[in-house]
N, C-alpha and C. Protein backbone atom coordinates (compact mmCIF):
# COMPACT_ATOMS: atom_id res chain seq x y z
N UNK A 1 -15.47 -23.23 -18.93
CA UNK A 1 -14.17 -23.04 -18.32
C UNK A 1 -13.93 -24.19 -17.34
N UNK A 2 -12.77 -24.80 -17.45
CA UNK A 2 -12.39 -25.87 -16.54
C UNK A 2 -11.37 -25.34 -15.54
N UNK A 3 -11.71 -25.43 -14.25
CA UNK A 3 -10.85 -24.94 -13.18
C UNK A 3 -10.33 -26.12 -12.38
N UNK A 4 -9.02 -26.16 -12.18
CA UNK A 4 -8.41 -27.18 -11.34
C UNK A 4 -8.13 -26.59 -9.97
N UNK A 5 -8.47 -27.31 -8.93
CA UNK A 5 -8.27 -26.83 -7.56
C UNK A 5 -7.42 -27.86 -6.81
N UNK A 6 -6.35 -27.37 -6.21
CA UNK A 6 -5.46 -28.21 -5.41
C UNK A 6 -5.21 -27.53 -4.08
N UNK A 7 -4.80 -28.30 -3.10
CA UNK A 7 -4.44 -27.70 -1.80
C UNK A 7 -3.58 -28.68 -1.02
N UNK A 8 -2.96 -28.17 0.02
CA UNK A 8 -2.21 -28.98 0.97
C UNK A 8 -1.17 -29.87 0.29
N UNK A 9 -0.38 -29.26 -0.58
CA UNK A 9 0.68 -30.01 -1.27
C UNK A 9 1.81 -30.39 -0.32
N UNK A 10 2.10 -29.55 0.63
CA UNK A 10 3.12 -29.82 1.66
C UNK A 10 4.43 -30.28 1.03
N UNK A 11 4.89 -29.57 0.00
CA UNK A 11 6.16 -29.82 -0.70
C UNK A 11 6.18 -31.13 -1.49
N UNK A 12 5.05 -31.69 -1.78
CA UNK A 12 4.97 -32.96 -2.50
C UNK A 12 4.88 -32.69 -4.00
N UNK A 13 6.03 -32.54 -4.65
CA UNK A 13 6.04 -32.24 -6.08
C UNK A 13 5.51 -33.41 -6.91
N UNK A 14 5.77 -34.63 -6.47
CA UNK A 14 5.23 -35.80 -7.19
C UNK A 14 3.70 -35.80 -7.11
N UNK A 15 3.17 -35.44 -5.96
CA UNK A 15 1.71 -35.37 -5.80
C UNK A 15 1.10 -34.29 -6.68
N UNK A 16 1.79 -33.14 -6.77
CA UNK A 16 1.30 -32.06 -7.64
C UNK A 16 1.32 -32.51 -9.10
N UNK A 17 2.40 -33.15 -9.51
CA UNK A 17 2.50 -33.64 -10.89
C UNK A 17 1.38 -34.63 -11.19
N UNK A 18 1.11 -35.51 -10.26
CA UNK A 18 0.04 -36.51 -10.45
C UNK A 18 -1.33 -35.85 -10.51
N UNK A 19 -1.58 -34.89 -9.63
CA UNK A 19 -2.86 -34.18 -9.63
C UNK A 19 -3.07 -33.46 -10.96
N UNK A 20 -2.02 -32.82 -11.47
CA UNK A 20 -2.13 -32.12 -12.75
C UNK A 20 -2.35 -33.10 -13.89
N UNK A 21 -1.72 -34.25 -13.81
CA UNK A 21 -1.91 -35.30 -14.82
C UNK A 21 -3.36 -35.77 -14.83
N UNK A 22 -3.92 -35.99 -13.66
CA UNK A 22 -5.31 -36.45 -13.55
C UNK A 22 -6.28 -35.39 -14.06
N UNK A 23 -6.02 -34.11 -13.70
CA UNK A 23 -6.91 -33.02 -14.13
C UNK A 23 -6.83 -32.78 -15.63
N UNK A 24 -5.67 -33.00 -16.20
CA UNK A 24 -5.49 -32.69 -17.62
C UNK A 24 -5.42 -31.19 -17.83
N UNK A 25 -5.77 -30.75 -19.02
CA UNK A 25 -5.73 -29.32 -19.33
C UNK A 25 -6.82 -28.59 -18.57
N UNK A 26 -6.44 -27.51 -17.91
CA UNK A 26 -7.40 -26.66 -17.20
C UNK A 26 -7.18 -25.23 -17.66
N UNK A 27 -8.25 -24.45 -17.61
CA UNK A 27 -8.15 -23.03 -17.97
C UNK A 27 -7.53 -22.22 -16.84
N UNK A 28 -7.81 -22.60 -15.62
CA UNK A 28 -7.26 -21.93 -14.43
C UNK A 28 -6.88 -23.00 -13.41
N UNK A 29 -5.77 -22.78 -12.72
CA UNK A 29 -5.36 -23.66 -11.64
C UNK A 29 -5.27 -22.83 -10.38
N UNK A 30 -5.94 -23.27 -9.33
CA UNK A 30 -5.97 -22.55 -8.07
C UNK A 30 -5.42 -23.46 -6.98
N UNK A 31 -4.45 -22.93 -6.23
CA UNK A 31 -3.89 -23.64 -5.08
C UNK A 31 -4.43 -22.97 -3.82
N UNK A 32 -5.13 -23.73 -3.01
CA UNK A 32 -5.79 -23.19 -1.82
C UNK A 32 -4.89 -23.17 -0.59
N UNK A 33 -3.60 -23.11 -0.78
CA UNK A 33 -2.67 -22.94 0.33
C UNK A 33 -1.94 -24.19 0.74
N UNK A 34 -0.96 -23.99 1.59
CA UNK A 34 -0.10 -25.04 2.13
C UNK A 34 0.67 -25.78 1.04
N UNK A 35 1.22 -25.01 0.11
CA UNK A 35 2.10 -25.64 -0.88
C UNK A 35 3.45 -25.98 -0.25
N UNK A 36 3.79 -25.30 0.85
CA UNK A 36 4.99 -25.62 1.62
C UNK A 36 4.57 -26.31 2.91
N UNK A 37 5.55 -26.83 3.65
CA UNK A 37 5.22 -27.54 4.89
C UNK A 37 6.12 -27.03 6.00
N UNK A 38 5.49 -26.56 7.04
CA UNK A 38 6.19 -25.96 8.17
C UNK A 38 7.19 -24.94 7.63
N UNK A 39 8.48 -25.11 7.87
CA UNK A 39 9.45 -24.13 7.39
C UNK A 39 10.27 -24.66 6.22
N UNK A 40 9.75 -25.66 5.56
CA UNK A 40 10.43 -26.20 4.38
C UNK A 40 9.82 -25.54 3.15
N UNK A 41 10.68 -25.07 2.28
CA UNK A 41 10.26 -24.38 1.07
C UNK A 41 10.68 -25.25 -0.11
N UNK A 42 9.85 -25.38 -1.08
CA UNK A 42 10.16 -26.24 -2.22
C UNK A 42 10.22 -25.41 -3.50
N UNK A 43 11.43 -25.25 -4.04
CA UNK A 43 11.57 -24.55 -5.32
C UNK A 43 10.85 -25.29 -6.43
N UNK A 44 10.83 -26.62 -6.35
CA UNK A 44 10.16 -27.42 -7.38
C UNK A 44 8.66 -27.12 -7.40
N UNK A 45 8.05 -27.03 -6.23
CA UNK A 45 6.61 -26.73 -6.16
C UNK A 45 6.34 -25.34 -6.74
N UNK A 46 7.14 -24.36 -6.33
CA UNK A 46 6.94 -22.99 -6.83
C UNK A 46 7.11 -22.95 -8.34
N UNK A 47 8.14 -23.62 -8.85
CA UNK A 47 8.37 -23.66 -10.30
C UNK A 47 7.18 -24.27 -11.02
N UNK A 48 6.69 -25.40 -10.52
CA UNK A 48 5.58 -26.10 -11.17
C UNK A 48 4.31 -25.24 -11.15
N UNK A 49 4.05 -24.58 -10.03
CA UNK A 49 2.86 -23.72 -9.95
C UNK A 49 2.99 -22.53 -10.89
N UNK A 50 4.17 -21.95 -10.96
CA UNK A 50 4.39 -20.81 -11.87
C UNK A 50 4.25 -21.24 -13.33
N UNK A 51 4.81 -22.39 -13.69
CA UNK A 51 4.72 -22.88 -15.06
C UNK A 51 3.28 -23.04 -15.50
N UNK A 52 2.42 -23.38 -14.55
CA UNK A 52 1.01 -23.59 -14.86
C UNK A 52 0.18 -22.33 -14.64
N UNK A 53 0.83 -21.23 -14.27
CA UNK A 53 0.12 -19.97 -14.06
C UNK A 53 -0.88 -20.04 -12.92
N UNK A 54 -0.58 -20.82 -11.91
CA UNK A 54 -1.52 -21.04 -10.80
C UNK A 54 -1.72 -19.78 -9.97
N UNK A 55 -2.94 -19.60 -9.53
CA UNK A 55 -3.28 -18.57 -8.55
C UNK A 55 -3.19 -19.26 -7.20
N UNK A 56 -2.50 -18.62 -6.26
CA UNK A 56 -2.25 -19.28 -4.98
C UNK A 56 -2.74 -18.42 -3.82
N UNK A 57 -3.45 -19.05 -2.91
CA UNK A 57 -3.89 -18.43 -1.67
C UNK A 57 -2.93 -18.89 -0.58
N UNK A 58 -2.54 -17.99 0.30
CA UNK A 58 -1.64 -18.38 1.39
C UNK A 58 -2.39 -19.22 2.41
N UNK A 59 -1.78 -20.33 2.79
CA UNK A 59 -2.31 -21.17 3.85
C UNK A 59 -1.57 -20.89 5.15
N UNK A 60 -1.89 -21.62 6.18
CA UNK A 60 -1.24 -21.38 7.47
C UNK A 60 0.26 -21.66 7.42
N UNK A 61 0.71 -22.59 6.59
CA UNK A 61 2.15 -22.87 6.49
C UNK A 61 2.88 -21.71 5.81
N UNK A 62 2.28 -21.11 4.77
CA UNK A 62 2.89 -19.94 4.14
C UNK A 62 2.90 -18.75 5.11
N UNK A 63 1.82 -18.58 5.83
CA UNK A 63 1.76 -17.47 6.79
C UNK A 63 2.86 -17.62 7.84
N UNK A 64 3.11 -18.84 8.29
CA UNK A 64 4.18 -19.07 9.25
C UNK A 64 5.55 -18.81 8.64
N UNK A 65 5.76 -19.29 7.43
CA UNK A 65 7.06 -19.13 6.76
C UNK A 65 7.36 -17.67 6.48
N UNK A 66 6.37 -16.93 6.00
CA UNK A 66 6.57 -15.53 5.63
C UNK A 66 6.37 -14.56 6.79
N UNK A 67 5.87 -15.04 7.91
CA UNK A 67 5.68 -14.21 9.09
C UNK A 67 6.95 -14.10 9.92
N UNK A 68 6.88 -13.38 11.04
CA UNK A 68 8.06 -13.19 11.90
C UNK A 68 8.70 -14.49 12.35
N UNK A 69 7.90 -15.50 12.65
CA UNK A 69 8.45 -16.76 13.14
C UNK A 69 9.24 -17.52 12.08
N UNK A 70 9.10 -17.15 10.82
CA UNK A 70 9.83 -17.82 9.74
C UNK A 70 11.10 -17.10 9.32
N UNK A 71 11.47 -16.04 10.02
CA UNK A 71 12.65 -15.23 9.64
C UNK A 71 13.92 -16.08 9.57
N UNK A 72 14.12 -16.94 10.53
CA UNK A 72 15.34 -17.76 10.55
C UNK A 72 15.36 -18.73 9.37
N UNK A 73 14.22 -19.33 9.06
CA UNK A 73 14.15 -20.26 7.93
C UNK A 73 14.39 -19.53 6.61
N UNK A 74 13.85 -18.34 6.47
CA UNK A 74 14.05 -17.57 5.23
C UNK A 74 15.49 -17.14 5.05
N UNK A 75 16.21 -16.93 6.15
CA UNK A 75 17.60 -16.49 6.08
C UNK A 75 18.57 -17.63 5.74
N UNK A 76 18.12 -18.86 5.91
CA UNK A 76 19.00 -20.02 5.69
C UNK A 76 19.32 -20.21 4.23
């Protein structure tokens, strides 16, 4: 089984695309958090991770975005 591990994307969809290109085909893709950056949310990153069936662990940036302090950003 080939597992791809990525982390700290910080909304960098080009970086995610390049990492996936380098890894090639993987059986499982795991994102170790921080796919978003501060209160910026990237639909492109989420779409790319979903398309690849990635398992994602929440990082400190996701915890901030989805926690009480991110309420204003989520409402925008």
